[in-house]
Amino acid sequence: MKLFIRFILVAFPLFLSACSTQHIAQPRVSLVDVEMADVSVFETSLLIKVRIQNTDPKPLRIAGGSHEVFLNGLSLGSGESGEDLTIPGHGSVTDTVRFYISNFTLFGKIQRLVNSSHLDYKIKSRLYVDSSLFGRTLEVDRQGELWQNGSL
């Protein structure tokens, strides 16, 4: 019995350290599209489509994420996704995230964004990776440009 307890005391920490050091390649997140969904007196909701690219040859399982988006330097706040996604190795998927924006906060700036044909964006994402026994959080930042093609 003592031998079994010693084995557990030695093997279990090694098992935990092996799980925690499992390498996950940093995915890429980019903004694909922005659509205005609903407008009310107090709130506007946007549907923001993000692309998540897996840079690893192994499939990547994502158990949701949160995204904070800036358009032309203007913070649009953040949106949450509870979508379970499996991204094939060296593949990509898109996820549409709903953002709720207070019109009082963005009064006067929404029209400027809607009428703009070119948008600089920055997206800060936190992806919840579903790997083996333990989940892991990956922080991903990305900047880029969007050009309007009738969807904004």
Protein backbone atom coordinates (compact mmCIF):
# COMPACT_ATOMS: atom_id res chain seq x y z
CA MET A 1 0.00 0.00 0.00
CA LYS A 2 2.85 2.39 0.82
CA LEU A 3 4.41 1.70 -2.55
CA PHE A 4 1.12 2.61 -4.28
CA ILE A 5 0.88 5.88 -2.34
CA ARG A 6 4.47 6.77 -3.24
CA PHE A 7 3.73 6.02 -6.88
CA ILE A 8 0.70 8.30 -6.81
CA LEU A 9 2.66 11.09 -5.10
CA VAL A 10 5.35 10.94 -7.79
CA ALA A 11 3.26 10.14 -10.88
CA PHE A 12 0.34 12.52 -10.34
CA PRO A 13 2.42 15.77 -10.34
CA LEU A 14 4.26 14.53 -13.45
CA PHE A 15 0.92 13.85 -15.14
CA LEU A 16 -0.35 17.33 -14.25
CA SER A 17 2.79 19.03 -15.51
CA ALA A 18 2.59 17.12 -18.80
CA CYS A 19 -1.00 18.27 -19.30
CA SER A 20 -0.25 21.89 -18.45
CA THR A 21 2.71 22.14 -20.82
CA GLN A 22 0.86 20.74 -23.81
CA HIS A 23 1.82 23.03 -26.69
CA ILE A 24 -0.98 24.79 -28.54
CA ALA A 25 0.01 26.92 -31.54
CA GLN A 26 -1.24 30.48 -31.36
CA PRO A 27 -4.36 30.80 -33.56
CA ARG A 28 -5.05 33.91 -35.62
CA VAL A 29 -8.25 35.92 -35.24
CA SER A 30 -9.39 38.45 -37.82
CA LEU A 31 -12.47 40.54 -38.44
CA VAL A 32 -14.48 39.42 -41.48
CA ASP A 33 -17.67 41.49 -41.47
CA VAL A 34 -19.73 43.94 -39.44
CA GLU A 35 -23.50 44.20 -39.86
CA MET A 36 -25.99 46.35 -38.03
CA ALA A 37 -28.63 44.02 -36.58
CA ASP A 38 -31.09 45.99 -34.45
CA VAL A 39 -31.46 49.62 -33.46
CA SER A 40 -33.62 50.90 -30.63
CA VAL A 41 -33.73 54.18 -28.77
CA PHE A 42 -31.21 53.05 -26.17
CA GLU A 43 -29.20 50.31 -27.81
CA THR A 44 -27.73 49.16 -31.11
CA SER A 45 -26.68 45.60 -31.76
CA LEU A 46 -24.04 44.61 -34.28
CA LEU A 47 -23.28 41.19 -35.70
CA ILE A 48 -19.53 40.91 -35.95
CA LYS A 49 -18.12 37.96 -37.86
CA VAL A 50 -14.65 36.81 -36.81
CA ARG A 51 -12.42 34.24 -38.49
CA ILE A 52 -10.33 31.95 -36.30
CA GLN A 53 -7.43 30.27 -38.09
CA ASN A 54 -5.67 27.23 -36.71
CA THR A 55 -1.94 27.43 -37.43
CA ASP A 56 -1.29 23.94 -36.07
CA PRO A 57 -1.58 20.64 -38.01
CA LYS A 58 -3.78 19.19 -35.22
CA PRO A 59 -7.46 20.11 -34.86
CA LEU A 60 -8.21 22.85 -32.33
CA ARG A 61 -11.34 22.72 -30.18
CA ILE A 62 -12.61 26.09 -28.96
CA ALA A 63 -15.27 26.25 -26.24
CA GLY A 64 -16.33 29.84 -26.81
CA GLY A 65 -14.55 33.12 -26.47
CA SER A 66 -14.82 36.82 -25.87
CA HIS A 67 -13.85 39.53 -28.32
CA GLU A 68 -13.29 43.26 -27.90
CA VAL A 69 -13.42 45.24 -31.14
CA PHE A 70 -12.23 48.72 -32.01
CA LEU A 71 -13.27 50.38 -35.28
CA ASN A 72 -11.35 53.48 -36.40
CA GLY A 73 -10.00 53.71 -32.84
CA LEU A 74 -13.52 53.65 -31.36
CA SER A 75 -14.22 50.90 -28.84
CA LEU A 76 -17.38 49.02 -29.65
CA GLY A 77 -17.22 47.09 -26.41
CA SER A 78 -17.11 43.33 -26.29
CA GLY A 79 -19.12 40.36 -27.39
CA GLU A 80 -19.26 36.81 -26.09
CA SER A 81 -19.57 33.57 -27.99
CA GLY A 82 -20.55 30.28 -26.40
CA GLU A 83 -20.19 28.43 -29.68
CA ASP A 84 -18.24 25.15 -29.57
CA LEU A 85 -15.99 25.13 -32.61
CA THR A 86 -13.61 22.52 -33.99
CA ILE A 87 -11.07 24.02 -36.35
CA PRO A 88 -9.29 21.49 -38.59
CA GLY A 89 -5.50 21.52 -38.73
CA HIS A 90 -4.31 24.47 -40.84
CA GLY A 91 -7.97 25.40 -41.37
CA SER A 92 -10.32 28.16 -40.30
CA VAL A 93 -13.90 28.77 -39.20
CA THR A 94 -16.03 31.88 -38.78
CA ASP A 95 -18.09 32.76 -35.74
CA THR A 96 -20.73 35.50 -35.61
CA VAL A 97 -20.75 37.38 -32.32
CA ARG A 98 -23.48 39.81 -31.24
CA PHE A 99 -22.34 43.08 -29.69
CA TYR A 100 -24.72 45.32 -27.73
CA ILE A 101 -23.77 48.99 -27.76
CA SER A 102 -25.30 51.79 -25.70
CA ASN A 103 -26.47 54.57 -28.00
CA PHE A 104 -25.74 57.09 -25.26
CA THR A 105 -22.09 56.07 -25.29
CA LEU A 106 -21.71 56.11 -29.05
CA PHE A 107 -24.20 58.85 -29.96
CA GLY A 108 -23.03 60.61 -33.10
CA LYS A 109 -20.20 58.16 -33.78
CA ILE A 110 -22.30 55.28 -35.13
CA GLN A 111 -23.37 57.29 -38.15
CA ARG A 112 -19.73 58.08 -38.92
CA LEU A 113 -18.90 54.36 -38.80
CA VAL A 114 -21.88 53.40 -40.97
CA ASN A 115 -20.99 55.96 -43.64
CA SER A 116 -17.29 55.06 -43.69
CA SER A 117 -16.10 52.98 -46.64
CA HIS A 118 -12.83 52.06 -44.91
CA LEU A 119 -12.42 50.88 -41.33
CA ASP A 120 -9.25 50.23 -39.37
CA TYR A 121 -9.92 47.60 -36.77
CA LYS A 122 -8.29 46.02 -33.78
CA ILE A 123 -9.62 42.86 -32.18
CA LYS A 124 -8.56 41.48 -28.83
CA SER A 125 -9.78 37.94 -28.29
CA ARG A 126 -9.76 35.46 -25.46
CA LEU A 127 -10.35 31.93 -26.74
CA TYR A 128 -11.25 29.09 -24.37
CA VAL A 129 -9.44 26.03 -25.70
CA ASP A 130 -10.88 22.63 -24.85
CA SER A 131 -7.81 20.39 -24.61
CA SER A 132 -7.45 17.02 -22.87
CA LEU A 133 -8.47 17.16 -19.22
CA PHE A 134 -7.97 20.87 -18.64
CA GLY A 135 -9.14 23.91 -20.54
CA ARG A 136 -6.81 26.72 -21.44
CA THR A 137 -7.24 30.38 -22.34
CA LEU A 138 -5.41 31.93 -25.28
CA GLU A 139 -5.10 35.71 -25.70
CA VAL A 140 -4.95 36.86 -29.35
CA ASP A 141 -4.67 40.43 -30.69
CA ARG A 142 -4.93 41.46 -34.33
CA GLN A 143 -5.15 44.68 -36.38
CA GLY A 144 -6.32 45.12 -39.93
CA GLU A 145 -8.59 46.91 -42.37
CA LEU A 146 -12.14 46.38 -43.61
CA TRP A 147 -13.57 47.74 -46.82
CA GLN A 148 -17.32 48.22 -47.11
CA ASN A 149 -19.04 46.07 -49.71
CA GLY A 150 -22.65 46.82 -48.92
CA SER A 151 -22.82 44.85 -45.66
CA LEU A 152 -22.13 47.70 -43.23
